C-alpha atoms as a PDB file:
ATOM      1  CA  MET A   1      94.809 156.705 161.691  1.00  0.00           C
ATOM      2  CA  PRO A   2      91.371 155.354 162.492  1.00  0.00           C
ATOM      3  CA  GLY A   3      88.569 157.321 164.389  1.00  0.00           C
ATOM      4  CA  ARG A   4      89.045 157.840 168.026  1.00  0.00           C
ATOM      5  CA  ARG A   5      86.755 156.992 171.033  1.00  0.00           C
ATOM      6  CA  LEU A   6      86.360 159.148 174.057  1.00  0.00           C
ATOM      7  CA  GLN A   7      84.676 157.663 177.262  1.00  0.00           C
ATOM      8  CA  LEU A   8      82.592 160.079 179.158  1.00  0.00           C
ATOM      9  CA  GLY A   9      81.747 158.594 182.723  1.00  0.00           C
ATOM     10  CA  ASP A  10      83.094 155.541 184.612  1.00  0.00           C
ATOM     11  CA  GLY A  11      81.605 153.106 181.922  1.00  0.00           C
ATOM     12  CA  ARG A  12      79.606 151.257 184.643  1.00  0.00           C
ATOM     13  CA  SER A  13      76.979 153.736 185.618  1.00  0.00           C
ATOM     14  CA  ILE A  14      73.670 155.100 183.818  1.00  0.00           C
ATOM     15  CA  GLY A  15      74.555 157.875 181.551  1.00  0.00           C
ATOM     16  CA  SER A  16      78.107 156.890 180.902  1.00  0.00           C
ATOM     17  CA  ALA A  17      78.918 157.152 177.106  1.00  0.00           C
ATOM     18  CA  ILE A  18      81.502 156.450 174.462  1.00  0.00           C
ATOM     19  CA  VAL A  19      81.859 159.195 171.857  1.00  0.00           C
ATOM     20  CA  PHE A  20      82.896 158.297 168.474  1.00  0.00           C
ATOM     21  CA  ARG A  21      84.896 160.697 166.394  1.00  0.00           C
ATOM     22  CA  ASN A  22      86.427 160.436 162.784  1.00  0.00           C
ATOM     23  CA  ARG A  23      89.824 160.849 161.883  1.00  0.00           C
ATOM     24  CA  THR A  24      89.607 164.509 161.923  1.00  0.00           C
ATOM     25  CA  GLY A  25      87.941 164.690 165.553  1.00  0.00           C
ATOM     26  CA  VAL A  26      84.387 165.433 164.404  1.00  0.00           C
ATOM     27  CA  GLU A  27      81.821 163.556 166.609  1.00  0.00           C
ATOM     28  CA  GLN A  28      80.009 160.925 164.565  1.00  0.00           C
ATOM     29  CA  GLY A  29      78.108 159.337 167.347  1.00  0.00           C
ATOM     30  CA  ARG A  30      77.518 158.361 171.117  1.00  0.00           C
ATOM     31  CA  GLN A  31      76.939 155.153 172.587  1.00  0.00           C
ATOM     32  CA  ARG A  32      75.240 155.597 176.246  1.00  0.00           C
ATOM     33  CA  LEU A  33      74.469 153.241 178.859  1.00  0.00           C
ATOM     34  CA  THR A  34      70.817 153.503 179.777  1.00  0.00           C
ATOM     35  CA  ARG A  35      69.967 150.532 181.883  1.00  0.00           C
ATOM     36  CA  ILE A  36      71.595 147.960 184.093  1.00  0.00           C
ATOM     37  CA  GLU A  37      69.875 145.094 185.671  1.00  0.00           C
ATOM     38  CA  THR A  38      71.119 141.747 187.049  1.00  0.00           C
ATOM     39  CA  ASP A  39      70.050 140.097 183.775  1.00  0.00           C
ATOM     40  CA  ARG A  40      70.453 143.056 181.216  1.00  0.00           C
ATOM     41  CA  ILE A  41      72.481 146.038 180.134  1.00  0.00           C
ATOM     42  CA  ASP A  42      71.105 148.524 177.498  1.00  0.00           C
ATOM     43  CA  TYR A  43      72.769 150.922 175.369  1.00  0.00           C
ATOM     44  CA  ARG A  44      71.295 153.655 173.095  1.00  0.00           C
ATOM     45  CA  LEU A  45      73.319 155.064 170.354  1.00  0.00           C
ATOM     46  CA  ARG A  46      73.086 158.209 168.244  1.00  0.00           C
ATOM     47  CA  ASN A  47      75.404 158.285 165.100  1.00  0.00           C
ATOM     48  CA  LYS A  48      75.433 159.389 161.584  1.00  0.00           C
ATOM     49  CA  GLY A  49      74.224 156.867 159.102  1.00  0.00           C
ATOM     50  CA  PRO A  50      73.947 156.817 155.412  1.00  0.00           C
ATOM     51  CA  ARG A  51      74.565 160.127 153.775  1.00  0.00           C
ATOM     52  CA  GLY A  52      74.978 161.851 157.159  1.00  0.00           C
ATOM     53  CA  ARG A  53      71.561 161.123 158.479  1.00  0.00           C
ATOM     54  CA  GLU A  54      71.068 160.467 162.184  1.00  0.00           C
ATOM     55  CA  MET A  55      70.481 156.952 163.210  1.00  0.00           C
ATOM     56  CA  THR A  56      69.304 155.656 166.688  1.00  0.00           C
ATOM     57  CA  PRO A  57      70.543 152.118 167.149  1.00  0.00           C
ATOM     58  CA  GLU A  58      69.702 150.210 170.236  1.00  0.00           C
ATOM     59  CA  VAL A  59      72.170 147.495 171.600  1.00  0.00           C
ATOM     60  CA  ASP A  60      70.985 145.250 174.565  1.00  0.00           C
ATOM     61  CA  PHE A  61      72.939 142.650 176.320  1.00  0.00           C
ATOM     62  CA  ARG A  62      70.824 139.779 177.880  1.00  0.00           C
ATOM     63  CA  LEU A  63      72.658 137.753 180.482  1.00  0.00           C
ATOM     64  CA  GLU A  64      71.639 133.970 181.001  1.00  0.00           C
ATOM     65  CA  ALA A  65      73.326 132.276 184.015  1.00  0.00           C
ATOM     66  CA  LEU A  66      74.059 128.882 182.946  1.00  0.00           C
ATOM     67  CA  ASP A  67      75.533 127.657 186.299  1.00  0.00           C
ATOM     68  CA  ASP A  68      77.569 129.267 189.017  1.00  0.00           C
ATOM     69  CA  THR A  69      80.421 129.931 186.847  1.00  0.00           C
ATOM     70  CA  ARG A  70      79.287 130.446 183.236  1.00  0.00           C
ATOM     71  CA  THR A  71      76.988 133.044 181.839  1.00  0.00           C
ATOM     72  CA  ARG A  72      75.584 133.134 178.040  1.00  0.00           C
ATOM     73  CA  VAL A  73      75.493 136.665 176.704  1.00  0.00           C
ATOM     74  CA  HIS A  74      72.900 137.350 174.054  1.00  0.00           C
ATOM     75  CA  LEU A  75      73.202 140.463 171.749  1.00  0.00           C
ATOM     76  CA  ASP A  76      70.051 142.330 170.612  1.00  0.00           C
ATOM     77  CA  PHE A  77      70.595 144.871 168.052  1.00  0.00           C
ATOM     78  CA  ARG A  78      67.877 147.071 166.399  1.00  0.00           C
ATOM     79  CA  ALA A  79      68.406 149.893 163.935  1.00  0.00           C
ATOM     80  CA  THR A  80      66.179 151.429 161.293  1.00  0.00           C
ATOM     81  CA  ALA A  81      68.270 152.900 158.517  1.00  0.00           C
ATOM     82  CA  PRO A  82      66.919 156.318 157.303  1.00  0.00           C
ATOM     83  CA  LEU A  83      66.567 154.873 153.782  1.00  0.00           C
ATOM     84  CA  PRO A  84      63.748 154.072 151.398  1.00  0.00           C
ATOM     85  CA  PRO A  85      62.524 150.274 151.601  1.00  0.00           C
ATOM     86  CA  GLY A  86      64.786 147.946 149.629  1.00  0.00           C
ATOM     87  CA  ALA A  87      67.906 149.932 150.309  1.00  0.00           C
ATOM     88  CA  ARG A  88      66.887 150.106 154.015  1.00  0.00           C
ATOM     89  CA  GLN A  89      66.763 146.333 154.469  1.00  0.00           C
ATOM     90  CA  LEU A  90      70.073 145.896 152.625  1.00  0.00           C
ATOM     91  CA  ALA A  91      71.586 148.663 155.005  1.00  0.00           C
ATOM     92  CA  GLU A  92      70.269 147.022 158.073  1.00  0.00           C
ATOM     93  CA  LEU A  93      71.634 143.782 156.999  1.00  0.00           C
ATOM     94  CA  LEU A  94      75.162 144.945 156.629  1.00  0.00           C
ATOM     95  CA  LEU A  95      74.981 147.310 159.695  1.00  0.00           C
ATOM     96  CA  GLY A  96      73.873 144.341 161.774  1.00  0.00           C
ATOM     97  CA  ARG A  97      76.754 142.038 160.619  1.00  0.00           C
ATOM     98  CA  ARG A  98      79.345 145.042 161.166  1.00  0.00           C
ATOM     99  CA  VAL A  99      78.003 145.792 164.601  1.00  0.00           C
ATOM    100  CA  ARG A 100      77.870 142.088 165.694  1.00  0.00           C
ATOM    101  CA  ARG A 101      81.514 141.683 164.783  1.00  0.00           C
ATOM    102  CA  LEU A 102      82.396 144.567 166.745  1.00  0.00           C
ATOM    103  CA  HIS A 103      80.544 143.613 169.755  1.00  0.00           C
ATOM    104  CA  VAL A 104      81.656 139.899 169.552  1.00  0.00           C
ATOM    105  CA  LYS A 105      85.204 141.227 169.734  1.00  0.00           C
ATOM    106  CA  ASP A 106      84.263 143.364 172.718  1.00  0.00           C
ATOM    107  CA  LEU A 107      82.828 140.434 174.465  1.00  0.00           C
ATOM    108  CA  GLU A 108      85.850 138.228 173.673  1.00  0.00           C
ATOM    109  CA  LEU A 109      88.132 140.936 175.085  1.00  0.00           C
ATOM    110  CA  LEU A 110      85.818 141.325 178.279  1.00  0.00           C
ATOM    111  CA  LYS A 111      85.860 137.545 178.744  1.00  0.00           C
ATOM    112  CA  ALA A 112      89.640 137.299 178.367  1.00  0.00           C
ATOM    113  CA  HIS A 113      90.066 140.377 180.957  1.00  0.00           C
ATOM    114  CA  VAL A 114      87.635 138.597 183.377  1.00  0.00           C
ATOM    115  CA  GLU A 115      89.187 135.096 183.092  1.00  0.00           C
ATOM    116  CA  ASN A 116      92.622 136.529 183.586  1.00  0.00           C
ATOM    117  CA  ALA A 117      91.847 138.967 186.322  1.00  0.00           C
ATOM    118  CA  PRO A 118      93.307 138.296 189.903  1.00  0.00           C
ATOM    119  CA  ALA A 119      90.891 136.738 192.398  1.00  0.00           C
ATOM    120  CA  GLN A 120      89.096 139.507 194.333  1.00  0.00           C
ATOM    121  CA  THR A 121      89.560 139.264 198.099  1.00  0.00           C
ATOM    122  CA  SER A 122      87.231 140.442 200.862  1.00  0.00           C
END
């Protein structure tokens, strides 16, 4: 059984968070929504990194309107692994790739949801 996620808040307002737990239910980290603007959404994370050391990655989505119906989403990810140089660069490379895959999947699911949602009526 994989780890579990618990959502705190509505997921749309500042301060909402996702709590990540391991298979035994112990909290491993949190992803908190910190900024919402027309062209940007920012998250700050706190989670356990290598050897249980705390990490504080930053995940930002920049939104670029292409036309009236299309938006390009840019993912900016920053993290400093609590490791000595050399090992840090390798860990950050691997972590960046893993996080990118996770968020690309999230964006694909969001896109499918939005495109298949019934039209809003006023």
